[in-house]
Amino acid sequence: MDAAAGNLTAVNATAAPGAGAASGPEELWQTLVRERAPLAALLLLFSAATVFGNGLVIVAVARERYLHTATNYFVTSLAVADCLVGLVVMPFSAAYEVANHAWFFGIDWCDAWRSLDVLASTASILNLCVISLDRYWAITDPFSYPARMTGRRAAALITAVWVCSGAISFPAIAWWRAVRPEHVPPYKCPFTENLSYLIFSSTISFYLPLFVMVFTYYRIYRAAVVQTRSLKLGTKQHTQLVITHSQVLRKD
């Protein structure tokens, strides 16, 4: 910490008012936390609520056998991804925000944290995409859906989601380090600005799932409209038949 104390000028430039008098990283951190304690408490509350809510989903599906369906497995996978966000990503993001974008945890954990952020966010979006596909298959082809969406196929889709998310996140650490400037300023946690990686990752983890979800939910909406019309038409025809039958009985 003594060597790091000489680099506090870069941190003090972004620190909250009153933090400039800090003489070391520990004092600076304590000052920032003290002055921005309400913000820190609010952000940590969001993190705890995220973990608690998604943890309840995981426990419920794990304990209740009647919830062991393909759809609920996808929901559980989504809850695991969101729990990872609440446990690992959000607390350090809160600390980063409270410290006015000063990073006190080292460059190695910075890269790992950024990678976990990409992993969990991508897994969350891809799980939403798989859920939309699952609902699309269930509604548009309800008779063959149980045979199509078996437990083994659901497990394969969940595995594909996490493998794809991991392939986008963890190997990218080497890429980030290769393309960024050689020297990272003290107490900074930069994210890569490499355009190729940003386009590739955003396409796989956002734009492609967005297109799939818009398509599937539009088709689900159209199928729901058709089924609603069919139900209304069937009800009207049934009502007309009942009235006609009643009139015939009265004439007799």
C-alpha atoms as a PDB file:
ATOM      1  CA  MET A   1       0.000   0.000   0.000  1.00  0.00           C
ATOM      2  CA  ASP A   2       2.981   2.361   0.563  1.00  0.00           C
ATOM      3  CA  ALA A   3       3.915   2.199  -3.104  1.00  0.00           C
ATOM      4  CA  ALA A   4       0.329   2.771  -4.113  1.00  0.00           C
ATOM      5  CA  ALA A   5       0.008   5.820  -1.872  1.00  0.00           C
ATOM      6  CA  GLY A   6       2.200   7.837  -4.219  1.00  0.00           C
ATOM      7  CA  ASN A   7      -0.307   7.286  -7.044  1.00  0.00           C
ATOM      8  CA  LEU A   8      -3.309   8.727  -5.241  1.00  0.00           C
ATOM      9  CA  THR A   9      -3.308  11.871  -7.382  1.00  0.00           C
ATOM     10  CA  ALA A  10      -5.197  10.036 -10.125  1.00  0.00           C
ATOM     11  CA  VAL A  11      -7.762   8.798  -7.617  1.00  0.00           C
ATOM     12  CA  ASN A  12      -8.182  12.120  -5.844  1.00  0.00           C
ATOM     13  CA  ALA A  13      -9.047  13.744  -9.157  1.00  0.00           C
ATOM     14  CA  THR A  14     -12.228  11.640  -9.285  1.00  0.00           C
ATOM     15  CA  ALA A  15     -12.927  11.293  -5.584  1.00  0.00           C
ATOM     16  CA  ALA A  16     -15.854  12.851  -3.790  1.00  0.00           C
ATOM     17  CA  PRO A  17     -15.414  16.268  -2.175  1.00  0.00           C
ATOM     18  CA  GLY A  18     -13.505  16.023   1.037  1.00  0.00           C
ATOM     19  CA  ALA A  19     -11.584  12.922  -0.030  1.00  0.00           C
ATOM     20  CA  GLY A  20      -8.530  14.886  -1.141  1.00  0.00           C
ATOM     21  CA  ALA A  21      -7.116  14.988   2.379  1.00  0.00           C
ATOM     22  CA  ALA A  22      -6.806  11.213   2.515  1.00  0.00           C
ATOM     23  CA  SER A  23      -3.204  10.123   2.962  1.00  0.00           C
ATOM     24  CA  GLY A  24      -3.506   6.536   1.740  1.00  0.00           C
ATOM     25  CA  PRO A  25      -5.800   4.100  -0.038  1.00  0.00           C
ATOM     26  CA  GLU A  26      -7.400   2.891   3.193  1.00  0.00           C
ATOM     27  CA  GLU A  27      -8.158   6.430   4.364  1.00  0.00           C
ATOM     28  CA  LEU A  28      -9.416   7.403   0.913  1.00  0.00           C
ATOM     29  CA  TRP A  29     -11.716   4.390   0.756  1.00  0.00           C
ATOM     30  CA  GLN A  30     -13.067   5.080   4.257  1.00  0.00           C
ATOM     31  CA  THR A  31     -13.732   8.700   3.353  1.00  0.00           C
ATOM     32  CA  LEU A  32     -15.568   7.755   0.174  1.00  0.00           C
ATOM     33  CA  VAL A  33     -17.687   5.160   1.954  1.00  0.00           C
ATOM     34  CA  ARG A  34     -18.502   7.570   4.787  1.00  0.00           C
ATOM     35  CA  GLU A  35     -19.564  10.355   2.437  1.00  0.00           C
ATOM     36  CA  ARG A  36     -21.528   8.114   0.075  1.00  0.00           C
ATOM     37  CA  ALA A  37     -22.902   5.609   2.572  1.00  0.00           C
ATOM     38  CA  PRO A  38     -26.573   6.050   1.514  1.00  0.00           C
ATOM     39  CA  LEU A  39     -25.705   5.278  -2.104  1.00  0.00           C
ATOM     40  CA  ALA A  40     -23.647   2.252  -1.040  1.00  0.00           C
ATOM     41  CA  ALA A  41     -26.512   0.948   1.136  1.00  0.00           C
ATOM     42  CA  LEU A  42     -29.020   1.374  -1.697  1.00  0.00           C
ATOM     43  CA  LEU A  43     -26.847  -0.428  -4.245  1.00  0.00           C
ATOM     44  CA  LEU A  44     -26.093  -3.277  -1.847  1.00  0.00           C
ATOM     45  CA  LEU A  45     -29.820  -3.561  -1.104  1.00  0.00           C
ATOM     46  CA  PHE A  46     -30.455  -4.066  -4.818  1.00  0.00           C
ATOM     47  CA  SER A  47     -27.759  -6.733  -4.872  1.00  0.00           C
ATOM     48  CA  ALA A  48     -29.221  -8.559  -1.859  1.00  0.00           C
ATOM     49  CA  ALA A  49     -32.739  -8.391  -3.307  1.00  0.00           C
ATOM     50  CA  THR A  50     -31.477  -9.848  -6.594  1.00  0.00           C
ATOM     51  CA  VAL A  51     -29.811 -12.783  -4.845  1.00  0.00           C
ATOM     52  CA  PHE A  52     -32.756 -13.384  -2.498  1.00  0.00           C
ATOM     53  CA  GLY A  53     -35.448 -13.332  -5.183  1.00  0.00           C
ATOM     54  CA  ASN A  54     -33.602 -15.548  -7.633  1.00  0.00           C
ATOM     55  CA  GLY A  55     -32.480 -17.836  -4.827  1.00  0.00           C
ATOM     56  CA  LEU A  56     -36.136 -18.461  -3.962  1.00  0.00           C
ATOM     57  CA  VAL A  57     -36.792 -19.471  -7.563  1.00  0.00           C
ATOM     58  CA  ILE A  58     -33.881 -21.936  -7.537  1.00  0.00           C
ATOM     59  CA  VAL A  59     -34.922 -23.461  -4.189  1.00  0.00           C
ATOM     60  CA  ALA A  60     -38.564 -23.765  -5.247  1.00  0.00           C
ATOM     61  CA  VAL A  61     -37.761 -25.606  -8.471  1.00  0.00           C
ATOM     62  CA  ALA A  62     -35.206 -27.829  -6.716  1.00  0.00           C
ATOM     63  CA  ARG A  63     -37.552 -28.845  -3.888  1.00  0.00           C
ATOM     64  CA  GLU A  64     -40.899 -29.262  -5.648  1.00  0.00           C
ATOM     65  CA  ARG A  65     -41.043 -32.222  -8.011  1.00  0.00           C
ATOM     66  CA  TYR A  66     -44.105 -30.951  -9.868  1.00  0.00           C
ATOM     67  CA  LEU A  67     -41.985 -27.976 -10.982  1.00  0.00           C
ATOM     68  CA  HIS A  68     -39.458 -30.240 -12.700  1.00  0.00           C
ATOM     69  CA  THR A  69     -40.400 -29.284 -16.253  1.00  0.00           C
ATOM     70  CA  ALA A  70     -38.327 -28.100 -19.182  1.00  0.00           C
ATOM     71  CA  THR A  71     -39.720 -24.577 -18.951  1.00  0.00           C
ATOM     72  CA  ASN A  72     -38.892 -24.324 -15.253  1.00  0.00           C
ATOM     73  CA  TYR A  73     -35.374 -25.621 -15.913  1.00  0.00           C
ATOM     74  CA  PHE A  74     -34.875 -22.698 -18.277  1.00  0.00           C
ATOM     75  CA  VAL A  75     -36.257 -20.321 -15.648  1.00  0.00           C
ATOM     76  CA  THR A  76     -33.859 -21.808 -13.081  1.00  0.00           C
ATOM     77  CA  SER A  77     -30.923 -21.313 -15.424  1.00  0.00           C
ATOM     78  CA  LEU A  78     -31.999 -17.682 -15.815  1.00  0.00           C
ATOM     79  CA  ALA A  79     -32.207 -17.351 -12.014  1.00  0.00           C
ATOM     80  CA  VAL A  80     -28.674 -18.768 -11.643  1.00  0.00           C
ATOM     81  CA  ALA A  81     -27.345 -16.185 -14.101  1.00  0.00           C
ATOM     82  CA  ASP A  82     -29.115 -13.367 -12.257  1.00  0.00           C
ATOM     83  CA  CYS A  83     -27.857 -14.709  -8.918  1.00  0.00           C
ATOM     84  CA  LEU A  84     -24.324 -14.558 -10.289  1.00  0.00           C
ATOM     85  CA  VAL A  85     -24.935 -10.932 -11.192  1.00  0.00           C
ATOM     86  CA  GLY A  86     -26.174 -10.175  -7.677  1.00  0.00           C
ATOM     87  CA  LEU A  87     -23.413 -12.082  -5.889  1.00  0.00           C
ATOM     88  CA  VAL A  88     -20.322 -11.102  -7.880  1.00  0.00           C
ATOM     89  CA  VAL A  89     -21.015  -8.342 -10.370  1.00  0.00           C
ATOM     90  CA  MET A  90     -23.279  -5.920  -8.508  1.00  0.00           C
ATOM     91  CA  PRO A  91     -21.304  -5.635  -5.204  1.00  0.00           C
ATOM     92  CA  PHE A  92     -18.071  -4.678  -6.954  1.00  0.00           C
ATOM     93  CA  SER A  93     -19.989  -2.447  -9.342  1.00  0.00           C
ATOM     94  CA  ALA A  94     -21.462  -0.723  -6.286  1.00  0.00           C
ATOM     95  CA  ALA A  95     -17.990  -0.284  -4.791  1.00  0.00           C
ATOM     96  CA  TYR A  96     -16.745   1.095  -8.111  1.00  0.00           C
ATOM     97  CA  GLU A  97     -19.617   3.573  -8.220  1.00  0.00           C
ATOM     98  CA  VAL A  98     -19.260   4.622  -4.569  1.00  0.00           C
ATOM     99  CA  ALA A  99     -15.548   5.253  -5.111  1.00  0.00           C
ATOM    100  CA  ASN A 100     -16.260   7.499  -8.119  1.00  0.00           C
ATOM    101  CA  HIS A 101     -14.819   4.928 -10.541  1.00  0.00           C
ATOM    102  CA  ALA A 102     -11.689   4.278  -8.485  1.00  0.00           C
ATOM    103  CA  TRP A 103     -10.744   0.574  -8.456  1.00  0.00           C
ATOM    104  CA  PHE A 104      -9.040  -0.811  -5.341  1.00  0.00           C
ATOM    105  CA  PHE A 105      -8.986  -4.525  -6.152  1.00  0.00           C
ATOM    106  CA  GLY A 106      -6.129  -4.937  -8.638  1.00  0.00           C
ATOM    107  CA  ILE A 107      -6.001  -5.286 -12.399  1.00  0.00           C
ATOM    108  CA  ASP A 108      -6.307  -9.097 -12.351  1.00  0.00           C
ATOM    109  CA  TRP A 109      -9.602  -9.047 -10.490  1.00  0.00           C
ATOM    110  CA  CYS A 110     -10.689  -6.147 -12.696  1.00  0.00           C
ATOM    111  CA  ASP A 111     -10.361  -8.345 -15.769  1.00  0.00           C
ATOM    112  CA  ALA A 112     -12.044 -11.286 -14.017  1.00  0.00           C
ATOM    113  CA  TRP A 113     -14.887  -9.053 -12.816  1.00  0.00           C
ATOM    114  CA  ARG A 114     -15.435  -7.625 -16.280  1.00  0.00           C
ATOM    115  CA  SER A 115     -15.412 -11.142 -17.689  1.00  0.00           C
ATOM    116  CA  LEU A 116     -17.927 -12.387 -15.110  1.00  0.00           C
ATOM    117  CA  ASP A 117     -20.117  -9.415 -15.930  1.00  0.00           C
ATOM    118  CA  VAL A 118     -20.117 -10.375 -19.620  1.00  0.00           C
ATOM    119  CA  LEU A 119     -20.696 -14.049 -18.718  1.00  0.00           C
ATOM    120  CA  ALA A 120     -23.689 -13.445 -16.454  1.00  0.00           C
ATOM    121  CA  SER A 121     -25.281 -10.787 -18.656  1.00  0.00           C
ATOM    122  CA  THR A 122     -24.925 -12.911 -21.790  1.00  0.00           C
ATOM    123  CA  ALA A 123     -26.237 -16.020 -20.027  1.00  0.00           C
ATOM    124  CA  SER A 124     -29.223 -14.058 -18.731  1.00  0.00           C
ATOM    125  CA  ILE A 125     -30.145 -12.751 -22.189  1.00  0.00           C
ATOM    126  CA  LEU A 126     -29.587 -16.113 -23.898  1.00  0.00           C
ATOM    127  CA  ASN A 127     -31.741 -17.836 -21.273  1.00  0.00           C
ATOM    128  CA  LEU A 128     -34.517 -15.342 -22.033  1.00  0.00           C
ATOM    129  CA  CYS A 129     -34.059 -16.203 -25.698  1.00  0.00           C
ATOM    130  CA  VAL A 130     -34.367 -19.943 -25.003  1.00  0.00           C
ATOM    131  CA  ILE A 131     -37.468 -19.344 -22.866  1.00  0.00           C
ATOM    132  CA  SER A 132     -39.076 -17.451 -25.752  1.00  0.00           C
ATOM    133  CA  LEU A 133     -38.291 -20.349 -28.120  1.00  0.00           C
ATOM    134  CA  ASP A 134     -39.706 -22.822 -25.613  1.00  0.00           C
ATOM    135  CA  ARG A 135     -42.974 -20.860 -25.345  1.00  0.00           C
ATOM    136  CA  TYR A 136     -43.114 -20.520 -29.140  1.00  0.00           C
ATOM    137  CA  TRP A 137     -42.839 -24.292 -29.632  1.00  0.00           C
ATOM    138  CA  ALA A 138     -45.356 -24.999 -26.853  1.00  0.00           C
ATOM    139  CA  ILE A 139     -48.006 -22.640 -28.247  1.00  0.00           C
ATOM    140  CA  THR A 140     -47.605 -23.137 -31.990  1.00  0.00           C
ATOM    141  CA  ASP A 141     -47.266 -26.944 -31.815  1.00  0.00           C
ATOM    142  CA  PRO A 142     -48.748 -28.070 -28.482  1.00  0.00           C
ATOM    143  CA  PHE A 143     -49.326 -31.706 -29.499  1.00  0.00           C
ATOM    144  CA  SER A 144     -45.736 -32.548 -30.410  1.00  0.00           C
ATOM    145  CA  TYR A 145     -44.171 -30.187 -27.824  1.00  0.00           C
ATOM    146  CA  PRO A 146     -43.953 -32.747 -24.952  1.00  0.00           C
ATOM    147  CA  ALA A 147     -42.121 -35.208 -27.204  1.00  0.00           C
ATOM    148  CA  ARG A 148     -39.898 -32.505 -28.658  1.00  0.00           C
ATOM    149  CA  MET A 149     -38.888 -30.732 -25.444  1.00  0.00           C
ATOM    150  CA  THR A 150     -37.530 -33.595 -23.339  1.00  0.00           C
ATOM    151  CA  GLY A 151     -35.382 -33.171 -20.246  1.00  0.00           C
ATOM    152  CA  ARG A 152     -32.308 -34.155 -22.215  1.00  0.00           C
ATOM    153  CA  ARG A 153     -32.986 -31.544 -24.894  1.00  0.00           C
ATOM    154  CA  ALA A 154     -33.616 -28.884 -22.250  1.00  0.00           C
ATOM    155  CA  ALA A 155     -30.285 -29.757 -20.596  1.00  0.00           C
ATOM    156  CA  ALA A 156     -28.541 -29.504 -23.975  1.00  0.00           C
ATOM    157  CA  LEU A 157     -29.996 -26.042 -24.594  1.00  0.00           C
ATOM    158  CA  ILE A 158     -28.993 -24.837 -21.119  1.00  0.00           C
ATOM    159  CA  THR A 159     -25.479 -26.218 -21.618  1.00  0.00           C
ATOM    160  CA  ALA A 160     -25.247 -24.426 -24.976  1.00  0.00           C
ATOM    161  CA  VAL A 161     -26.286 -21.153 -23.304  1.00  0.00           C
ATOM    162  CA  TRP A 162     -23.536 -21.332 -20.679  1.00  0.00           C
ATOM    163  CA  VAL A 163     -20.849 -22.605 -23.057  1.00  0.00           C
ATOM    164  CA  CYS A 164     -21.606 -19.773 -25.490  1.00  0.00           C
ATOM    165  CA  SER A 165     -21.570 -17.228 -22.655  1.00  0.00           C
ATOM    166  CA  GLY A 166     -18.273 -18.563 -21.325  1.00  0.00           C
ATOM    167  CA  ALA A 167     -16.717 -18.529 -24.791  1.00  0.00           C
ATOM    168  CA  ILE A 168     -17.569 -14.840 -25.150  1.00  0.00           C
ATOM    169  CA  SER A 169     -16.333 -13.841 -21.692  1.00  0.00           C
ATOM    170  CA  PHE A 170     -13.355 -15.737 -20.255  1.00  0.00           C
ATOM    171  CA  PRO A 171     -11.170 -16.190 -23.373  1.00  0.00           C
ATOM    172  CA  ALA A 172     -11.689 -12.494 -24.046  1.00  0.00           C
ATOM    173  CA  ILE A 173      -9.427 -11.598 -21.100  1.00  0.00           C
ATOM    174  CA  ALA A 174      -6.372 -12.430 -23.228  1.00  0.00           C
ATOM    175  CA  TRP A 175      -7.850 -10.363 -26.049  1.00  0.00           C
ATOM    176  CA  TRP A 176      -8.476  -7.376 -23.769  1.00  0.00           C
ATOM    177  CA  ARG A 177      -4.912  -7.466 -22.472  1.00  0.00           C
ATOM    178  CA  ALA A 178      -3.461  -7.770 -25.961  1.00  0.00           C
ATOM    179  CA  VAL A 179      -5.234  -4.750 -27.450  1.00  0.00           C
ATOM    180  CA  ARG A 180      -5.332  -2.297 -24.553  1.00  0.00           C
ATOM    181  CA  PRO A 181      -2.512   0.154 -23.736  1.00  0.00           C
ATOM    182  CA  GLU A 182       0.475  -1.353 -21.972  1.00  0.00           C
ATOM    183  CA  HIS A 183       0.089   0.808 -18.874  1.00  0.00           C
ATOM    184  CA  VAL A 184      -3.209   0.966 -16.994  1.00  0.00           C
ATOM    185  CA  PRO A 185      -3.496   4.025 -14.725  1.00  0.00           C
ATOM    186  CA  PRO A 186      -3.538   3.274 -10.989  1.00  0.00           C
ATOM    187  CA  TYR A 187      -6.945   2.587  -9.459  1.00  0.00           C
ATOM    188  CA  LYS A 188      -8.568   2.239 -12.850  1.00  0.00           C
ATOM    189  CA  CYS A 189     -10.545  -0.705 -14.261  1.00  0.00           C
ATOM    190  CA  PRO A 190     -10.903  -0.100 -18.005  1.00  0.00           C
ATOM    191  CA  PHE A 191     -13.083  -2.175 -20.287  1.00  0.00           C
ATOM    192  CA  THR A 192     -11.861  -2.996 -23.760  1.00  0.00           C
ATOM    193  CA  GLU A 193     -12.580  -0.481 -26.502  1.00  0.00           C
ATOM    194  CA  ASN A 194     -11.651  -2.902 -29.268  1.00  0.00           C
ATOM    195  CA  LEU A 195     -14.313  -2.418 -31.928  1.00  0.00           C
ATOM    196  CA  SER A 196     -14.123  -5.972 -33.296  1.00  0.00           C
ATOM    197  CA  TYR A 197     -14.765  -7.518 -29.896  1.00  0.00           C
ATOM    198  CA  LEU A 198     -17.550  -5.068 -29.053  1.00  0.00           C
ATOM    199  CA  ILE A 199     -19.352  -5.799 -32.329  1.00  0.00           C
ATOM    200  CA  PHE A 200     -18.905  -9.559 -31.976  1.00  0.00           C
ATOM    201  CA  SER A 201     -19.983  -9.764 -28.329  1.00  0.00           C
ATOM    202  CA  SER A 202     -22.923  -7.382 -28.681  1.00  0.00           C
ATOM    203  CA  THR A 203     -24.197  -9.305 -31.722  1.00  0.00           C
ATOM    204  CA  ILE A 204     -24.082 -12.678 -29.954  1.00  0.00           C
ATOM    205  CA  SER A 205     -25.243 -11.515 -26.539  1.00  0.00           C
ATOM    206  CA  PHE A 206     -27.804  -8.846 -27.510  1.00  0.00           C
ATOM    207  CA  TYR A 207     -28.799  -8.211 -31.130  1.00  0.00           C
ATOM    208  CA  LEU A 208     -29.212 -11.839 -32.240  1.00  0.00           C
ATOM    209  CA  PRO A 209     -31.233 -12.845 -29.131  1.00  0.00           C
ATOM    210  CA  LEU A 210     -33.274  -9.653 -29.523  1.00  0.00           C
ATOM    211  CA  PHE A 211     -34.176 -10.593 -33.099  1.00  0.00           C
ATOM    212  CA  VAL A 212     -35.116 -14.139 -32.044  1.00  0.00           C
ATOM    213  CA  MET A 213     -37.278 -12.924 -29.134  1.00  0.00           C
ATOM    214  CA  VAL A 214     -39.077 -10.308 -31.244  1.00  0.00           C
ATOM    215  CA  PHE A 215     -39.803 -12.943 -33.898  1.00  0.00           C
ATOM    216  CA  THR A 216     -40.962 -15.637 -31.464  1.00  0.00           C
ATOM    217  CA  TYR A 217     -43.156 -13.350 -29.361  1.00  0.00           C
ATOM    218  CA  TYR A 218     -44.729 -11.879 -32.491  1.00  0.00           C
ATOM    219  CA  ARG A 219     -45.557 -15.399 -33.671  1.00  0.00           C
ATOM    220  CA  ILE A 220     -46.877 -16.237 -30.211  1.00  0.00           C
ATOM    221  CA  TYR A 221     -49.095 -13.152 -30.359  1.00  0.00           C
ATOM    222  CA  ARG A 222     -50.405 -14.141 -33.781  1.00  0.00           C
ATOM    223  CA  ALA A 223     -51.089 -17.696 -32.599  1.00  0.00           C
ATOM    224  CA  ALA A 224     -52.925 -16.358 -29.541  1.00  0.00           C
ATOM    225  CA  VAL A 225     -55.076 -14.114 -31.748  1.00  0.00           C
ATOM    226  CA  VAL A 226     -55.988 -17.047 -34.010  1.00  0.00           C
ATOM    227  CA  GLN A 227     -56.819 -19.281 -31.048  1.00  0.00           C
ATOM    228  CA  THR A 228     -58.928 -16.529 -29.451  1.00  0.00           C
ATOM    229  CA  ARG A 229     -60.892 -16.087 -32.668  1.00  0.00           C
ATOM    230  CA  SER A 230     -61.402 -19.830 -32.915  1.00  0.00           C
ATOM    231  CA  LEU A 231     -62.668 -20.006 -29.350  1.00  0.00           C
ATOM    232  CA  LYS A 232     -65.030 -17.071 -29.907  1.00  0.00           C
ATOM    233  CA  LEU A 233     -66.303 -18.582 -33.170  1.00  0.00           C
ATOM    234  CA  GLY A 234     -66.806 -21.960 -31.522  1.00  0.00           C
ATOM    235  CA  THR A 235     -68.699 -20.349 -28.644  1.00  0.00           C
ATOM    236  CA  LYS A 236     -70.935 -18.394 -31.029  1.00  0.00           C
ATOM    237  CA  GLN A 237     -71.696 -21.509 -33.079  1.00  0.00           C
ATOM    238  CA  HIS A 238     -72.403 -23.511 -29.937  1.00  0.00           C
ATOM    239  CA  THR A 239     -74.754 -20.778 -28.681  1.00  0.00           C
ATOM    240  CA  GLN A 240     -76.584 -20.654 -32.009  1.00  0.00           C
ATOM    241  CA  LEU A 241     -77.018 -24.444 -31.978  1.00  0.00           C
ATOM    242  CA  VAL A 242     -78.445 -24.339 -28.448  1.00  0.00           C
ATOM    243  CA  ILE A 243     -80.927 -21.582 -29.398  1.00  0.00           C
ATOM    244  CA  THR A 244     -82.003 -23.444 -32.539  1.00  0.00           C
ATOM    245  CA  HIS A 245     -82.449 -26.672 -30.577  1.00  0.00           C
ATOM    246  CA  SER A 246     -84.554 -24.856 -27.956  1.00  0.00           C
ATOM    247  CA  GLN A 247     -86.777 -23.342 -30.639  1.00  0.00           C
ATOM    248  CA  VAL A 248     -87.339 -26.765 -32.208  1.00  0.00           C
ATOM    249  CA  LEU A 249     -88.296 -28.238 -28.838  1.00  0.00           C
ATOM    250  CA  ARG A 250     -90.812 -25.436 -28.237  1.00  0.00           C
ATOM    251  CA  LYS A 251     -92.477 -26.039 -31.620  1.00  0.00           C
ATOM    252  CA  ASP A 252     -92.795 -29.709 -30.830  1.00  0.00           C
END
